[in-house]
């Protein structure tokens, strides 16, 4: 049996980068929701923070759905 170490390392590297990117994107969504809470408490408009948070969560959902599609297909 021959293990292709270069391919294994490539898969590990890509999965590590994608994981860090998804965690960062989700964190931006949480920060956006936090800014919305702060803006609402101060009486300011929170539409931009809420839109940004929803966009981050939608991107996370799309990335996870694409990953599941790649696994199933």
Protein backbone atom coordinates (compact mmCIF):
# COMPACT_ATOMS: atom_id res chain seq x y z
CA UNK A 1 0.00 0.00 0.00
CA UNK A 2 1.31 3.42 -0.97
CA UNK A 3 0.27 6.59 0.85
CA UNK A 4 0.48 9.80 -1.15
CA UNK A 5 1.79 12.08 1.60
CA UNK A 6 1.68 15.19 -0.59
CA UNK A 7 -2.04 14.72 -1.27
CA UNK A 8 -2.70 13.99 2.40
CA UNK A 9 -0.85 17.15 3.40
CA UNK A 10 -2.75 19.16 0.80
CA UNK A 11 -6.10 17.94 2.13
CA UNK A 12 -5.02 18.75 5.68
CA UNK A 13 -3.89 22.25 4.69
CA UNK A 14 -7.06 23.08 2.79
CA UNK A 15 -9.31 21.76 5.55
CA UNK A 16 -7.37 23.75 8.16
CA UNK A 17 -7.68 26.97 6.15
CA UNK A 18 -11.38 26.44 5.48
CA UNK A 19 -12.03 25.67 9.15
CA UNK A 20 -10.28 28.83 10.31
CA UNK A 21 -12.14 30.87 7.67
CA UNK A 22 -15.52 29.49 8.76
CA UNK A 23 -14.80 30.15 12.42
CA UNK A 24 -13.73 33.69 11.56
CA UNK A 25 -16.84 34.28 9.47
CA UNK A 26 -19.10 32.96 12.21
CA UNK A 27 -17.29 35.17 14.73
CA UNK A 28 -17.94 38.21 12.52
CA UNK A 29 -21.62 37.29 12.54
CA UNK A 30 -21.65 37.12 16.33
CA UNK A 31 -19.85 40.47 16.53
CA UNK A 32 -22.44 41.96 14.16
CA UNK A 33 -25.24 40.77 16.42
CA UNK A 34 -23.42 42.24 19.40
CA UNK A 35 -23.11 45.59 17.61
CA UNK A 36 -26.83 45.44 16.88
CA UNK A 37 -27.56 45.02 20.57
CA UNK A 38 -25.27 47.94 21.41
CA UNK A 39 -26.80 50.18 18.74
CA UNK A 40 -30.32 49.34 19.87
CA UNK A 41 -29.45 50.14 23.47
CA UNK A 42 -28.08 53.54 22.42
CA UNK A 43 -31.08 54.31 20.24
CA UNK A 44 -29.19 54.16 16.94
CA UNK A 45 -30.10 52.28 13.78
CA UNK A 46 -28.89 48.69 13.77
CA UNK A 47 -29.82 47.75 10.21
CA UNK A 48 -26.25 47.62 8.87
CA UNK A 49 -24.99 45.47 11.74
CA UNK A 50 -27.93 43.10 11.41
CA UNK A 51 -27.52 42.83 7.62
CA UNK A 52 -23.80 42.09 8.00
CA UNK A 53 -24.47 39.45 10.64
CA UNK A 54 -27.08 37.76 8.48
CA UNK A 55 -24.72 37.85 5.49
CA UNK A 56 -21.98 36.17 7.55
CA UNK A 57 -24.35 33.47 8.77
CA UNK A 58 -25.67 32.92 5.24
CA UNK A 59 -22.10 32.52 3.95
CA UNK A 60 -21.37 29.99 6.71
CA UNK A 61 -24.51 28.06 5.83
CA UNK A 62 -23.61 28.07 2.15
CA UNK A 63 -20.08 26.84 2.86
CA UNK A 64 -21.33 24.00 5.06
CA UNK A 65 -23.97 23.04 2.49
CA UNK A 66 -21.32 23.01 -0.25
CA UNK A 67 -19.09 20.81 1.90
CA UNK A 68 -21.92 18.36 2.46
CA UNK A 69 -22.63 18.41 -1.29
CA UNK A 70 -18.98 17.57 -2.00
CA UNK A 71 -19.08 14.66 0.45
CA UNK A 72 -22.33 13.22 -0.92
CA UNK A 73 -21.61 13.72 -4.63
